């Protein structure tokens, strides 16, 4: 028991160390939580340029990080980080709310149904200027808030500091999972990917207990991918729908490596 407690303390302390950059605020690192491996990436709304992408100018889905990187480079931007950004239909269209550059391209989905997306409550990750949040979908719909970017997915992992009520520690369902959480300051955004199969319960506790995010949202499971050049992770050859990305002007931190 003492060893477990000490491990928990060590994990929490690790996240107080610089992640990347002189100010220690932005970037990705590999960490361990309860003996499982995760990639955790920290960015700050307003300081880091967090956006959503789905299709090119011809409205064709981008499908991959490689296509997204080319799309950005043609616009003088570098891809610093990316992650698949929520559930999508068989045609790779967003399954729920999708807002890109202030335009609502898909309205919020409050219908009941099957699958993880409809394991209520589900939620919305949003960015507006130097603010970000993860809100339950019905709360977001009631607020009628104008945002720069938003994607809806489900289920919620953490809701005001509590785990989703349907999660069970002894669940037999273990998958590679990715998600997003926002700390109480409303600016610090954590993206995470499990490097081995984990339950929803453990993944949610990672966000709440290690990353200190009182609200967090599941983005996807088996197809979960990440673009993190500092960890030599460039994604897999699996098509995706919406993607969350952090971008910067080309040349600011060097051109992204060719892959």
Protein backbone atom coordinates (compact mmCIF):
# COMPACT_ATOMS: atom_id res chain seq x y z
CA UNK A 1 0.00 0.00 0.00
CA UNK A 2 2.82 2.39 0.87
CA UNK A 3 4.52 1.67 -2.47
CA UNK A 4 1.29 2.48 -4.34
CA UNK A 5 0.92 5.76 -2.49
CA UNK A 6 4.52 6.73 -3.19
CA UNK A 7 4.04 5.94 -6.87
CA UNK A 8 1.00 8.21 -6.95
CA UNK A 9 3.02 11.04 -5.39
CA UNK A 10 5.82 10.54 -7.91
CA UNK A 11 3.38 10.75 -10.82
CA UNK A 12 1.85 13.99 -9.57
CA UNK A 13 5.30 15.51 -8.99
CA UNK A 14 6.39 14.58 -12.51
CA UNK A 15 3.73 16.83 -13.98
CA UNK A 16 5.08 19.85 -12.13
CA UNK A 17 8.32 19.60 -14.12
CA UNK A 18 8.84 21.49 -17.40
CA UNK A 19 7.30 19.71 -20.38
CA UNK A 20 8.86 21.60 -23.27
CA UNK A 21 10.16 25.07 -23.91
CA UNK A 22 11.79 27.62 -21.66
CA UNK A 23 8.57 28.35 -19.79
CA UNK A 24 7.81 24.66 -19.36
CA UNK A 25 4.23 25.10 -20.52
CA UNK A 26 3.78 23.32 -23.84
CA UNK A 27 4.55 19.94 -25.35
CA UNK A 28 4.29 16.19 -24.92
CA UNK A 29 5.96 13.62 -22.69
CA UNK A 30 5.65 9.95 -21.81
CA UNK A 31 4.49 9.25 -18.27
CA UNK A 32 3.40 6.34 -16.11
CA UNK A 33 0.20 6.16 -14.05
CA UNK A 34 -0.61 3.10 -11.95
CA UNK A 35 1.89 1.07 -13.95
CA UNK A 36 0.41 2.00 -17.34
CA UNK A 37 2.06 4.13 -20.02
CA UNK A 38 0.51 7.32 -21.35
CA UNK A 39 1.46 10.24 -23.56
CA UNK A 40 0.35 13.56 -22.03
CA UNK A 41 0.50 16.85 -23.93
CA UNK A 42 -0.04 20.23 -22.32
CA UNK A 43 -1.01 23.42 -24.17
CA UNK A 44 -2.40 26.78 -23.08
CA UNK A 45 -5.31 28.48 -24.87
CA UNK A 46 -4.31 31.95 -26.07
CA UNK A 47 -0.61 31.09 -25.91
CA UNK A 48 -0.73 28.00 -28.11
CA UNK A 49 -2.82 28.10 -31.29
CA UNK A 50 -5.32 25.25 -30.76
CA UNK A 51 -7.58 24.58 -33.74
CA UNK A 52 -9.82 21.95 -35.33
CA UNK A 53 -9.57 20.62 -38.88
CA UNK A 54 -11.63 18.23 -40.93
CA UNK A 55 -11.68 18.94 -44.67
CA UNK A 56 -9.69 20.72 -47.38
CA UNK A 57 -10.89 23.66 -49.49
CA UNK A 58 -12.83 21.27 -51.72
CA UNK A 59 -14.65 19.94 -48.61
CA UNK A 60 -12.93 16.57 -48.89
CA UNK A 61 -11.97 15.01 -45.53
CA UNK A 62 -8.25 15.26 -44.81
CA UNK A 63 -8.21 11.77 -43.23
CA UNK A 64 -4.59 11.86 -41.97
CA UNK A 65 -1.96 13.90 -40.13
CA UNK A 66 0.22 13.83 -43.27
CA UNK A 67 -2.54 15.46 -45.31
CA UNK A 68 -3.20 17.94 -42.52
CA UNK A 69 0.49 18.87 -42.38
CA UNK A 70 0.58 19.53 -46.15
CA UNK A 71 -2.66 21.51 -45.90
CA UNK A 72 -1.10 23.72 -43.22
CA UNK A 73 2.27 24.17 -44.92
CA UNK A 74 0.50 25.52 -48.00
CA UNK A 75 -0.83 28.22 -45.67
CA UNK A 76 2.49 28.98 -44.03
CA UNK A 77 1.76 27.01 -40.87
CA UNK A 78 3.58 24.24 -39.06
CA UNK A 79 1.85 21.30 -37.38
CA UNK A 80 3.20 21.09 -33.83
CA UNK A 81 0.73 18.57 -32.42
CA UNK A 82 -2.39 16.72 -33.52
CA UNK A 83 -4.84 14.13 -32.27
CA UNK A 84 -7.98 12.60 -33.69
CA UNK A 85 -10.71 14.91 -32.49
CA UNK A 86 -13.88 12.97 -31.73
CA UNK A 87 -16.44 10.54 -33.09
CA UNK A 88 -17.36 10.52 -36.77
CA UNK A 89 -19.80 8.86 -39.18
CA UNK A 90 -18.92 6.11 -41.71
CA UNK A 91 -18.30 8.97 -44.17
CA UNK A 92 -15.81 10.56 -41.74
CA UNK A 93 -18.11 13.49 -41.00
CA UNK A 94 -18.39 14.70 -37.38
CA UNK A 95 -20.96 12.72 -35.37
CA UNK A 96 -21.92 15.75 -33.30
CA UNK A 97 -21.26 19.44 -32.91
CA UNK A 98 -18.38 20.71 -35.00
CA UNK A 99 -17.27 24.34 -35.10
CA UNK A 100 -14.26 25.44 -37.13
CA UNK A 101 -12.94 28.99 -37.26
CA UNK A 102 -16.18 30.31 -35.76
CA UNK A 103 -18.44 28.49 -38.24
CA UNK A 104 -20.83 25.78 -37.04
CA UNK A 105 -20.49 23.07 -39.67
CA UNK A 106 -22.49 20.46 -37.72
CA UNK A 107 -25.11 21.21 -35.07
CA UNK A 108 -25.04 19.67 -31.61
CA UNK A 109 -26.37 16.12 -31.30
CA UNK A 110 -28.55 15.54 -28.22
CA UNK A 111 -30.27 12.38 -29.44
CA UNK A 112 -30.18 9.09 -27.58
CA UNK A 113 -28.53 6.11 -29.21
CA UNK A 114 -25.98 3.33 -28.91
CA UNK A 115 -22.22 3.33 -28.62
CA UNK A 116 -19.73 5.43 -26.71
CA UNK A 117 -20.91 8.72 -28.19
CA UNK A 118 -24.34 8.18 -26.63
CA UNK A 119 -23.06 6.93 -23.27
CA UNK A 120 -24.58 9.97 -21.58
CA UNK A 121 -23.53 12.42 -20.51
CA UNK A 122 -21.36 13.19 -23.50
CA UNK A 123 -19.64 16.50 -23.96
CA UNK A 124 -18.05 19.29 -25.98
CA UNK A 125 -14.45 20.48 -26.05
CA UNK A 126 -14.34 24.14 -27.05
CA UNK A 127 -11.85 26.98 -27.52
CA UNK A 128 -12.66 30.69 -27.57
CA UNK A 129 -9.73 33.09 -27.62
CA UNK A 130 -7.63 32.45 -24.52
CA UNK A 131 -10.29 30.26 -22.91
CA UNK A 132 -11.06 26.56 -23.29
CA UNK A 133 -13.45 24.12 -21.70
CA UNK A 134 -14.97 20.67 -21.59
CA UNK A 135 -18.70 20.95 -20.90
CA UNK A 136 -21.55 18.48 -20.89
CA UNK A 137 -23.40 18.74 -24.20
CA UNK A 138 -26.69 19.92 -22.73
CA UNK A 139 -24.92 22.63 -20.74
CA UNK A 140 -23.16 23.81 -23.88
CA UNK A 141 -26.44 23.84 -25.83
CA UNK A 142 -28.17 25.89 -23.11
CA UNK A 143 -25.33 28.41 -22.99
CA UNK A 144 -25.68 29.28 -26.69
CA UNK A 145 -22.09 30.43 -26.57
CA UNK A 146 -20.17 31.57 -29.62
CA UNK A 147 -16.80 29.78 -29.86
CA UNK A 148 -13.89 29.61 -32.28
CA UNK A 149 -13.61 25.82 -32.28
CA UNK A 150 -15.64 22.96 -30.82
CA UNK A 151 -16.02 19.22 -31.18
CA UNK A 152 -18.57 16.93 -29.54
CA UNK A 153 -17.73 13.42 -28.43
CA UNK A 154 -18.59 10.98 -25.69
CA UNK A 155 -18.70 9.89 -23.07
CA UNK A 156 -17.53 12.50 -20.60
CA UNK A 157 -14.66 11.05 -18.58
CA UNK A 158 -14.71 13.45 -15.64
CA UNK A 159 -17.63 15.72 -14.71
CA UNK A 160 -16.93 18.41 -12.11
CA UNK A 161 -14.36 16.18 -10.44
CA UNK A 162 -16.45 13.00 -10.53
CA UNK A 163 -15.97 10.04 -12.83
CA UNK A 164 -18.72 9.16 -15.30
CA UNK A 165 -21.30 7.16 -13.29
CA UNK A 166 -21.25 4.23 -15.73
CA UNK A 167 -17.51 3.51 -15.38
CA UNK A 168 -16.41 0.43 -13.43
CA UNK A 169 -12.89 -0.25 -12.17
CA UNK A 170 -13.22 -3.97 -12.96
CA UNK A 171 -14.63 -3.52 -16.45
CA UNK A 172 -13.36 -6.11 -18.97
CA UNK A 173 -13.37 -3.45 -21.72
CA UNK A 174 -9.78 -2.32 -22.26
CA UNK A 175 -8.78 -0.24 -25.28
CA UNK A 176 -6.20 2.25 -26.46
CA UNK A 177 -7.95 5.54 -25.68
CA UNK A 178 -7.44 9.25 -26.21
CA UNK A 179 -9.11 12.27 -24.66
CA UNK A 180 -8.91 15.91 -23.63
CA UNK A 181 -9.28 17.69 -20.30
CA UNK A 182 -9.13 21.30 -19.14
CA UNK A 183 -7.83 22.45 -15.79
CA UNK A 184 -9.81 24.73 -13.48
CA UNK A 185 -8.01 27.84 -14.79
CA UNK A 186 -9.99 27.49 -18.04
CA UNK A 187 -6.81 27.79 -20.14
CA UNK A 188 -4.57 24.79 -19.53
CA UNK A 189 -5.54 21.96 -21.89
CA UNK A 190 -4.28 18.39 -21.52
CA UNK A 191 -4.47 15.85 -24.33
CA UNK A 192 -3.70 12.24 -23.48
CA UNK A 193 -3.28 8.92 -25.26
CA UNK A 194 -2.88 5.57 -23.52
CA UNK A 195 0.02 3.58 -24.93
CA UNK A 196 -1.60 0.31 -23.89
CA UNK A 197 -5.22 -0.82 -23.44
CA UNK A 198 -6.92 0.65 -20.36
CA UNK A 199 -10.43 0.79 -18.94
CA UNK A 200 -12.54 3.95 -19.05
CA UNK A 201 -12.26 4.06 -15.26
CA UNK A 202 -8.44 4.16 -15.24
CA UNK A 203 -8.31 6.61 -18.16
CA UNK A 204 -10.71 8.96 -16.38
CA UNK A 205 -8.71 8.74 -13.15
CA UNK A 206 -5.56 9.62 -15.09
CA UNK A 207 -7.19 12.88 -16.16
CA UNK A 208 -8.64 13.66 -12.75
CA UNK A 209 -5.84 12.53 -10.44
CA UNK A 210 -2.65 12.99 -12.50
CA UNK A 211 -3.53 15.78 -14.92
CA UNK A 212 -5.78 17.60 -12.43
CA UNK A 213 -8.58 18.28 -14.91
CA UNK A 214 -12.00 18.51 -13.21
CA UNK A 215 -13.66 17.97 -16.60
CA UNK A 216 -12.42 15.65 -19.33
CA UNK A 217 -13.84 14.12 -22.49
CA UNK A 218 -13.21 10.82 -24.29
CA UNK A 219 -12.35 11.36 -27.95
CA UNK A 220 -11.93 7.87 -29.40
CA UNK A 221 -10.71 4.35 -28.86
CA UNK A 222 -8.99 1.77 -31.02
CA UNK A 223 -8.12 4.15 -33.88
CA UNK A 224 -6.66 6.75 -31.47
CA UNK A 225 -3.63 8.48 -32.97
CA UNK A 226 -1.24 11.28 -32.05
CA UNK A 227 1.20 13.53 -33.89
CA UNK A 228 3.99 14.46 -31.47
CA UNK A 229 7.30 14.98 -33.31
CA UNK A 230 9.31 15.35 -30.10
CA UNK A 231 8.34 11.77 -29.25
CA UNK A 232 8.76 10.58 -32.86
CA UNK A 233 5.06 9.84 -33.08
CA UNK A 234 3.53 10.71 -36.45
CA UNK A 235 0.30 8.73 -36.43
CA UNK A 236 -0.73 5.54 -38.15
CA UNK A 237 -2.20 4.84 -41.57
CA UNK A 238 -5.79 4.82 -40.36
CA UNK A 239 -8.26 7.37 -41.79
CA UNK A 240 -9.82 9.83 -39.33
CA UNK A 241 -12.60 12.38 -39.16
CA UNK A 242 -12.07 15.66 -37.23
CA UNK A 243 -8.59 16.42 -35.90
CA UNK A 244 -7.48 18.71 -33.08
CA UNK A 245 -4.19 20.46 -33.83
CA UNK A 246 -1.76 22.97 -32.42
CA UNK A 247 -0.18 25.09 -35.14
CA UNK A 248 2.46 27.82 -35.43
CA UNK A 249 3.88 29.97 -38.25
CA UNK A 250 6.38 28.02 -40.35
CA UNK A 251 9.93 28.75 -39.25
CA UNK A 252 8.96 29.69 -35.71
CA UNK A 253 10.08 26.32 -34.38
CA UNK A 254 11.48 24.78 -37.55
CA UNK A 255 9.71 22.99 -40.35
CA UNK A 256 7.93 19.78 -39.40
CA UNK A 257 9.93 16.65 -40.30
CA UNK A 258 8.90 14.91 -43.50
CA UNK A 259 7.03 11.65 -42.99
